[in-house]
Amino acid sequence: MTPINSYIDHTLLKPTATLTDIRSLCEEAKKYEFFSVCVNGYYVPICEDLLRDSKVRICSVIGFPLGTMSSRTKMFEAEDAISNGADEIDMVMNLGLLKSDKLNWLENEIASVKNIIGIKILKVIIETCYLSADEISIASKIVESAGADYVKTSTGFGPKGASLEVVSEIKKSISSEMKIKASGGIKDFITAKAYIDLGVSRIGTSSGIAILNGEKSLL
């Protein structure tokens, strides 16, 4: 089995995060060999400096956390993050336009961001707590059709994060080529392992160390 630490995007997106917190995040990511750190755009160049000699990647969020800013704004955020050293982008979908049946518009927006970042990884957050099962399916298919790399469940700022039922709905809506990132409320090893067993390729969490300690406690 692939080590669980390599699934984890070690995440700190709190508005009150300090520079000291960001430095600690990066040191923890290096120590525990997490796949990436996930931070707001301002902190990308700081993380790039701190992680330059490590294998830890840098993920930045755009259109976060509501997804309702203009496409031009999202494109600028993505370009700025990549130019500052980000390896991956987690972008929030505009759910109001999904519910307004502006599906082509949404697909074009995602495709435009993917075009900006090229071979870099694009994950699209569909904030599933606000969607019906049918809407989750439609949103997931739009994300794949637009050329993104992952469907991501949640920002962590909504009233509910990931669930196994939601991930199952996403999984049956997309091809085997697409990947899934589960995030929001994943705080222990048993829960994280359940998502991995279901087929997710990445887990977004601020509890990565606790998850690893839980794994060790079961050995």
C-alpha atoms as a PDB file:
ATOM      1  CA  MET A   1       0.000   0.000   0.000  1.00  0.00           C
ATOM      2  CA  THR A   2       1.167   3.537  -0.770  1.00  0.00           C
ATOM      3  CA  PRO A   3       2.101   5.302   2.501  1.00  0.00           C
ATOM      4  CA  ILE A   4      -0.780   7.430   3.722  1.00  0.00           C
ATOM      5  CA  ASN A   5       1.397  10.534   4.141  1.00  0.00           C
ATOM      6  CA  SER A   6       1.817  10.673   0.362  1.00  0.00           C
ATOM      7  CA  TYR A   7      -1.939  11.211  -0.038  1.00  0.00           C
ATOM      8  CA  ILE A   8      -2.055  14.259   2.222  1.00  0.00           C
ATOM      9  CA  ASP A   9      -2.217  17.916   1.239  1.00  0.00           C
ATOM     10  CA  HIS A  10      -1.135  19.465   4.559  1.00  0.00           C
ATOM     11  CA  THR A  11      -3.541  22.378   4.727  1.00  0.00           C
ATOM     12  CA  LEU A  12      -3.648  25.776   6.420  1.00  0.00           C
ATOM     13  CA  LEU A  13      -6.237  28.166   5.017  1.00  0.00           C
ATOM     14  CA  LYS A  14      -7.416  29.939   8.168  1.00  0.00           C
ATOM     15  CA  PRO A  15      -7.674  33.723   7.799  1.00  0.00           C
ATOM     16  CA  THR A  16      -5.767  34.118  11.063  1.00  0.00           C
ATOM     17  CA  ALA A  17      -2.759  32.013   9.983  1.00  0.00           C
ATOM     18  CA  THR A  18       0.488  33.813  10.836  1.00  0.00           C
ATOM     19  CA  LEU A  19       3.864  33.644   9.141  1.00  0.00           C
ATOM     20  CA  THR A  20       5.028  31.483  12.033  1.00  0.00           C
ATOM     21  CA  ASP A  21       2.112  29.114  11.382  1.00  0.00           C
ATOM     22  CA  ILE A  22       3.049  28.871   7.698  1.00  0.00           C
ATOM     23  CA  ARG A  23       6.681  28.130   8.555  1.00  0.00           C
ATOM     24  CA  SER A  24       5.540  25.401  10.952  1.00  0.00           C
ATOM     25  CA  LEU A  25       3.275  23.961   8.258  1.00  0.00           C
ATOM     26  CA  CYS A  26       6.210  23.662   5.860  1.00  0.00           C
ATOM     27  CA  GLU A  27       8.510  22.160   8.486  1.00  0.00           C
ATOM     28  CA  GLU A  28       5.863  19.577   9.365  1.00  0.00           C
ATOM     29  CA  ALA A  29       5.325  18.764   5.702  1.00  0.00           C
ATOM     30  CA  LYS A  30       9.037  18.123   5.252  1.00  0.00           C
ATOM     31  CA  LYS A  31       9.328  16.106   8.444  1.00  0.00           C
ATOM     32  CA  TYR A  32       6.349  13.854   7.704  1.00  0.00           C
ATOM     33  CA  GLU A  33       6.868  13.838   3.921  1.00  0.00           C
ATOM     34  CA  PHE A  34       3.358  14.956   3.063  1.00  0.00           C
ATOM     35  CA  PHE A  35       2.553  15.292  -0.637  1.00  0.00           C
ATOM     36  CA  SER A  36       2.015  19.042  -0.480  1.00  0.00           C
ATOM     37  CA  VAL A  37       1.165  22.066   1.575  1.00  0.00           C
ATOM     38  CA  CYS A  38      -2.065  23.861   0.657  1.00  0.00           C
ATOM     39  CA  VAL A  39      -2.110  27.597   1.383  1.00  0.00           C
ATOM     40  CA  ASN A  40      -3.654  30.870   0.336  1.00  0.00           C
ATOM     41  CA  GLY A  41      -1.956  32.726  -2.502  1.00  0.00           C
ATOM     42  CA  TYR A  42      -0.031  35.268  -0.419  1.00  0.00           C
ATOM     43  CA  TYR A  43       1.984  32.497   1.204  1.00  0.00           C
ATOM     44  CA  VAL A  44       3.037  30.667  -1.967  1.00  0.00           C
ATOM     45  CA  PRO A  45       6.420  32.439  -2.413  1.00  0.00           C
ATOM     46  CA  ILE A  46       7.173  31.951   1.285  1.00  0.00           C
ATOM     47  CA  CYS A  47       6.462  28.225   0.978  1.00  0.00           C
ATOM     48  CA  GLU A  48       8.495  28.061  -2.223  1.00  0.00           C
ATOM     49  CA  ASP A  49      11.481  29.430  -0.337  1.00  0.00           C
ATOM     50  CA  LEU A  50      11.010  27.106   2.644  1.00  0.00           C
ATOM     51  CA  LEU A  51      10.393  23.969   0.566  1.00  0.00           C
ATOM     52  CA  ARG A  52      12.849  24.564  -2.275  1.00  0.00           C
ATOM     53  CA  ASP A  53      15.150  21.691  -1.324  1.00  0.00           C
ATOM     54  CA  SER A  54      12.383  19.223  -0.488  1.00  0.00           C
ATOM     55  CA  LYS A  55      10.008  16.992  -2.425  1.00  0.00           C
ATOM     56  CA  VAL A  56       6.950  18.656  -0.886  1.00  0.00           C
ATOM     57  CA  ARG A  57       4.798  20.375  -3.493  1.00  0.00           C
ATOM     58  CA  ILE A  58       2.897  23.629  -3.112  1.00  0.00           C
ATOM     59  CA  CYS A  59      -0.838  23.914  -3.695  1.00  0.00           C
ATOM     60  CA  SER A  60      -2.637  27.252  -3.768  1.00  0.00           C
ATOM     61  CA  VAL A  61      -6.377  27.972  -3.691  1.00  0.00           C
ATOM     62  CA  ILE A  62      -8.082  30.379  -6.097  1.00  0.00           C
ATOM     63  CA  GLY A  63     -11.595  31.782  -6.095  1.00  0.00           C
ATOM     64  CA  PHE A  64     -11.595  30.784  -2.458  1.00  0.00           C
ATOM     65  CA  PRO A  65     -13.793  30.055  -0.600  1.00  0.00           C
ATOM     66  CA  LEU A  66     -16.979  31.083  -2.461  1.00  0.00           C
ATOM     67  CA  GLY A  67     -16.053  30.736  -6.134  1.00  0.00           C
ATOM     68  CA  THR A  68     -18.125  33.771  -7.090  1.00  0.00           C
ATOM     69  CA  MET A  69     -15.464  36.151  -8.343  1.00  0.00           C
ATOM     70  CA  SER A  70     -14.963  36.807 -12.065  1.00  0.00           C
ATOM     71  CA  SER A  71     -13.223  34.364 -14.376  1.00  0.00           C
ATOM     72  CA  ARG A  72     -10.570  36.993 -15.074  1.00  0.00           C
ATOM     73  CA  THR A  73      -9.847  37.205 -11.346  1.00  0.00           C
ATOM     74  CA  LYS A  74      -9.515  33.432 -11.051  1.00  0.00           C
ATOM     75  CA  MET A  75      -7.229  33.314 -14.068  1.00  0.00           C
ATOM     76  CA  PHE A  76      -5.017  36.039 -12.610  1.00  0.00           C
ATOM     77  CA  GLU A  77      -4.879  34.291  -9.240  1.00  0.00           C
ATOM     78  CA  ALA A  78      -3.875  31.036 -10.919  1.00  0.00           C
ATOM     79  CA  GLU A  79      -1.198  32.650 -13.070  1.00  0.00           C
ATOM     80  CA  ASP A  80       0.157  34.570 -10.087  1.00  0.00           C
ATOM     81  CA  ALA A  81       0.305  31.462  -7.889  1.00  0.00           C
ATOM     82  CA  ILE A  82       2.093  29.411 -10.544  1.00  0.00           C
ATOM     83  CA  SER A  83       4.593  32.188 -11.233  1.00  0.00           C
ATOM     84  CA  ASN A  84       5.349  32.352  -7.499  1.00  0.00           C
ATOM     85  CA  GLY A  85       6.078  28.634  -7.277  1.00  0.00           C
ATOM     86  CA  ALA A  86       2.777  26.769  -6.914  1.00  0.00           C
ATOM     87  CA  ASP A  87       2.657  23.265  -8.394  1.00  0.00           C
ATOM     88  CA  GLU A  88      -1.087  22.773  -8.056  1.00  0.00           C
ATOM     89  CA  ILE A  89      -4.236  24.902  -8.033  1.00  0.00           C
ATOM     90  CA  ASP A  90      -7.446  24.196  -6.102  1.00  0.00           C
ATOM     91  CA  MET A  91     -10.201  26.288  -7.700  1.00  0.00           C
ATOM     92  CA  VAL A  92     -13.730  26.840  -6.370  1.00  0.00           C
ATOM     93  CA  MET A  93     -16.648  26.376  -8.764  1.00  0.00           C
ATOM     94  CA  ASN A  94     -19.359  29.056  -8.956  1.00  0.00           C
ATOM     95  CA  LEU A  95     -22.298  27.076  -7.582  1.00  0.00           C
ATOM     96  CA  GLY A  96     -24.848  29.802  -8.272  1.00  0.00           C
ATOM     97  CA  LEU A  97     -24.127  29.439 -11.979  1.00  0.00           C
ATOM     98  CA  LEU A  98     -24.338  25.656 -11.695  1.00  0.00           C
ATOM     99  CA  LYS A  99     -27.793  26.047 -10.163  1.00  0.00           C
ATOM    100  CA  SER A 100     -28.629  28.591 -12.889  1.00  0.00           C
ATOM    101  CA  ASP A 101     -27.828  25.959 -15.530  1.00  0.00           C
ATOM    102  CA  LYS A 102     -24.904  27.961 -16.947  1.00  0.00           C
ATOM    103  CA  LEU A 103     -23.021  24.746 -17.607  1.00  0.00           C
ATOM    104  CA  ASN A 104     -21.131  25.830 -20.726  1.00  0.00           C
ATOM    105  CA  TRP A 105     -19.975  28.973 -18.925  1.00  0.00           C
ATOM    106  CA  LEU A 106     -18.641  26.899 -16.034  1.00  0.00           C
ATOM    107  CA  GLU A 107     -16.854  24.514 -18.362  1.00  0.00           C
ATOM    108  CA  ASN A 108     -15.248  27.416 -20.215  1.00  0.00           C
ATOM    109  CA  GLU A 109     -14.088  29.014 -16.948  1.00  0.00           C
ATOM    110  CA  ILE A 110     -12.419  25.815 -15.751  1.00  0.00           C
ATOM    111  CA  ALA A 111     -10.859  25.229 -19.169  1.00  0.00           C
ATOM    112  CA  SER A 112      -9.501  28.784 -19.180  1.00  0.00           C
ATOM    113  CA  VAL A 113      -7.793  28.300 -15.824  1.00  0.00           C
ATOM    114  CA  LYS A 114      -6.386  24.942 -16.933  1.00  0.00           C
ATOM    115  CA  ASN A 115      -5.064  26.585 -20.089  1.00  0.00           C
ATOM    116  CA  ILE A 116      -3.305  29.224 -17.974  1.00  0.00           C
ATOM    117  CA  ILE A 117      -1.547  26.680 -15.738  1.00  0.00           C
ATOM    118  CA  GLY A 118      -0.754  24.124 -18.460  1.00  0.00           C
ATOM    119  CA  ILE A 119       0.720  20.886 -17.133  1.00  0.00           C
ATOM    120  CA  LYS A 120       0.275  21.946 -13.504  1.00  0.00           C
ATOM    121  CA  ILE A 121      -2.451  20.107 -11.588  1.00  0.00           C
ATOM    122  CA  LEU A 122      -5.933  21.650 -11.390  1.00  0.00           C
ATOM    123  CA  LYS A 123      -8.437  20.491  -8.771  1.00  0.00           C
ATOM    124  CA  VAL A 124     -11.947  21.951  -8.844  1.00  0.00           C
ATOM    125  CA  ILE A 125     -13.872  22.262  -5.581  1.00  0.00           C
ATOM    126  CA  ILE A 126     -17.593  21.676  -6.025  1.00  0.00           C
ATOM    127  CA  GLU A 127     -18.582  22.287  -2.340  1.00  0.00           C
ATOM    128  CA  THR A 128     -20.837  19.260  -2.241  1.00  0.00           C
ATOM    129  CA  CYS A 129     -22.689  20.214   0.959  1.00  0.00           C
ATOM    130  CA  TYR A 130     -24.760  22.666  -1.090  1.00  0.00           C
ATOM    131  CA  LEU A 131     -25.595  20.234  -3.910  1.00  0.00           C
ATOM    132  CA  SER A 132     -28.089  17.459  -4.544  1.00  0.00           C
ATOM    133  CA  ALA A 133     -26.857  14.087  -5.791  1.00  0.00           C
ATOM    134  CA  ASP A 134     -27.844  15.069  -9.350  1.00  0.00           C
ATOM    135  CA  GLU A 135     -25.985  18.376  -9.055  1.00  0.00           C
ATOM    136  CA  ILE A 136     -22.882  16.608  -7.715  1.00  0.00           C
ATOM    137  CA  SER A 137     -22.969  14.346 -10.751  1.00  0.00           C
ATOM    138  CA  ILE A 138     -23.427  17.245 -13.185  1.00  0.00           C
ATOM    139  CA  ALA A 139     -20.676  19.310 -11.543  1.00  0.00           C
ATOM    140  CA  SER A 140     -18.254  16.379 -11.600  1.00  0.00           C
ATOM    141  CA  LYS A 141     -18.872  15.762 -15.285  1.00  0.00           C
ATOM    142  CA  ILE A 142     -18.300  19.452 -16.069  1.00  0.00           C
ATOM    143  CA  VAL A 143     -14.970  19.365 -14.220  1.00  0.00           C
ATOM    144  CA  GLU A 144     -13.820  16.377 -16.266  1.00  0.00           C
ATOM    145  CA  SER A 145     -15.107  17.738 -19.564  1.00  0.00           C
ATOM    146  CA  ALA A 146     -13.234  21.010 -18.964  1.00  0.00           C
ATOM    147  CA  GLY A 147      -9.904  19.200 -18.642  1.00  0.00           C
ATOM    148  CA  ALA A 148      -9.227  19.528 -14.913  1.00  0.00           C
ATOM    149  CA  ASP A 149      -7.324  16.785 -13.123  1.00  0.00           C
ATOM    150  CA  TYR A 150      -9.353  16.342  -9.930  1.00  0.00           C
ATOM    151  CA  VAL A 151     -12.815  16.817  -8.528  1.00  0.00           C
ATOM    152  CA  LYS A 152     -12.502  18.055  -4.937  1.00  0.00           C
ATOM    153  CA  THR A 153     -15.354  17.754  -2.452  1.00  0.00           C
ATOM    154  CA  SER A 154     -15.115  20.771  -0.181  1.00  0.00           C
ATOM    155  CA  THR A 155     -13.392  23.980   0.897  1.00  0.00           C
ATOM    156  CA  GLY A 156     -13.632  23.160   4.586  1.00  0.00           C
ATOM    157  CA  PHE A 157     -15.526  26.440   5.038  1.00  0.00           C
ATOM    158  CA  GLY A 158     -19.004  25.058   4.306  1.00  0.00           C
ATOM    159  CA  PRO A 159     -21.340  23.547   6.912  1.00  0.00           C
ATOM    160  CA  LYS A 160     -20.243  20.015   5.979  1.00  0.00           C
ATOM    161  CA  GLY A 161     -17.134  18.476   4.467  1.00  0.00           C
ATOM    162  CA  ALA A 162     -16.557  15.242   2.603  1.00  0.00           C
ATOM    163  CA  SER A 163     -18.564  12.057   3.069  1.00  0.00           C
ATOM    164  CA  LEU A 164     -18.135   8.570   1.692  1.00  0.00           C
ATOM    165  CA  GLU A 165     -21.542   8.844   0.036  1.00  0.00           C
ATOM    166  CA  VAL A 166     -20.541  12.035  -1.782  1.00  0.00           C
ATOM    167  CA  VAL A 167     -17.255  10.536  -2.945  1.00  0.00           C
ATOM    168  CA  SER A 168     -19.151   7.490  -4.246  1.00  0.00           C
ATOM    169  CA  GLU A 169     -21.467   9.812  -6.203  1.00  0.00           C
ATOM    170  CA  ILE A 170     -18.507  11.657  -7.713  1.00  0.00           C
ATOM    171  CA  LYS A 171     -16.726   8.409  -8.540  1.00  0.00           C
ATOM    172  CA  LYS A 172     -19.634   6.978 -10.509  1.00  0.00           C
ATOM    173  CA  SER A 173     -20.041  10.265 -12.421  1.00  0.00           C
ATOM    174  CA  ILE A 174     -16.501  10.459 -13.828  1.00  0.00           C
ATOM    175  CA  SER A 175     -14.164   8.238 -15.800  1.00  0.00           C
ATOM    176  CA  SER A 176     -11.339   6.205 -14.306  1.00  0.00           C
ATOM    177  CA  GLU A 177      -8.934   8.801 -15.720  1.00  0.00           C
ATOM    178  CA  MET A 178     -10.155  11.464 -13.304  1.00  0.00           C
ATOM    179  CA  LYS A 179      -9.015  11.738  -9.703  1.00  0.00           C
ATOM    180  CA  ILE A 180     -10.809  12.749  -6.526  1.00  0.00           C
ATOM    181  CA  LYS A 181      -9.636  14.836  -3.587  1.00  0.00           C
ATOM    182  CA  ALA A 182     -11.624  14.450  -0.380  1.00  0.00           C
ATOM    183  CA  SER A 183     -11.429  17.306   2.100  1.00  0.00           C
ATOM    184  CA  GLY A 184     -13.275  18.702   5.077  1.00  0.00           C
ATOM    185  CA  GLY A 185     -13.606  16.893   8.400  1.00  0.00           C
ATOM    186  CA  ILE A 186     -11.026  14.160   7.814  1.00  0.00           C
ATOM    187  CA  LYS A 187      -9.214  14.061  11.137  1.00  0.00           C
ATOM    188  CA  ASP A 188      -8.199  10.466  11.914  1.00  0.00           C
ATOM    189  CA  PHE A 189      -6.513   7.487  10.309  1.00  0.00           C
ATOM    190  CA  ILE A 190      -9.572   5.225  10.092  1.00  0.00           C
ATOM    191  CA  THR A 191     -11.578   7.893   8.246  1.00  0.00           C
ATOM    192  CA  ALA A 192      -8.698   8.740   5.919  1.00  0.00           C
ATOM    193  CA  LYS A 193      -8.141   5.045   5.157  1.00  0.00           C
ATOM    194  CA  ALA A 194     -11.831   4.626   4.287  1.00  0.00           C
ATOM    195  CA  TYR A 195     -11.564   7.361   1.660  1.00  0.00           C
ATOM    196  CA  ILE A 196      -8.389   5.874   0.220  1.00  0.00           C
ATOM    197  CA  ASP A 197     -10.005   2.441   0.040  1.00  0.00           C
ATOM    198  CA  LEU A 198     -12.893   4.054  -1.840  1.00  0.00           C
ATOM    199  CA  GLY A 199     -10.462   5.390  -4.419  1.00  0.00           C
ATOM    200  CA  VAL A 200      -9.533   8.983  -3.597  1.00  0.00           C
ATOM    201  CA  SER A 201      -6.073  10.049  -4.740  1.00  0.00           C
ATOM    202  CA  ARG A 202      -5.608  12.954  -2.340  1.00  0.00           C
ATOM    203  CA  ILE A 203      -6.823  14.043   1.085  1.00  0.00           C
ATOM    204  CA  GLY A 204      -6.957  17.670   2.160  1.00  0.00           C
ATOM    205  CA  THR A 205      -6.612  18.026   5.911  1.00  0.00           C
ATOM    206  CA  SER A 206      -5.103  20.088   8.690  1.00  0.00           C
ATOM    207  CA  SER A 207      -4.925  16.900  10.791  1.00  0.00           C
ATOM    208  CA  GLY A 208      -2.255  15.056   8.830  1.00  0.00           C
ATOM    209  CA  ILE A 209      -0.018  14.458  11.837  1.00  0.00           C
ATOM    210  CA  ALA A 210      -2.924  13.065  13.881  1.00  0.00           C
ATOM    211  CA  ILE A 211      -3.803  10.785  10.972  1.00  0.00           C
ATOM    212  CA  LEU A 212      -0.255   9.437  10.853  1.00  0.00           C
ATOM    213  CA  ASN A 213      -0.153   8.995  14.628  1.00  0.00           C
ATOM    214  CA  GLY A 214      -3.413   7.055  14.389  1.00  0.00           C
ATOM    215  CA  GLU A 215      -1.891   4.777  11.770  1.00  0.00           C
ATOM    216  CA  LYS A 216       1.092   4.099  14.040  1.00  0.00           C
ATOM    217  CA  SER A 217      -1.191   3.346  16.976  1.00  0.00           C
ATOM    218  CA  LEU A 218      -2.799   0.528  14.982  1.00  0.00           C
ATOM    219  CA  LEU A 219       0.491  -1.153  14.110  1.00  0.00           C
END
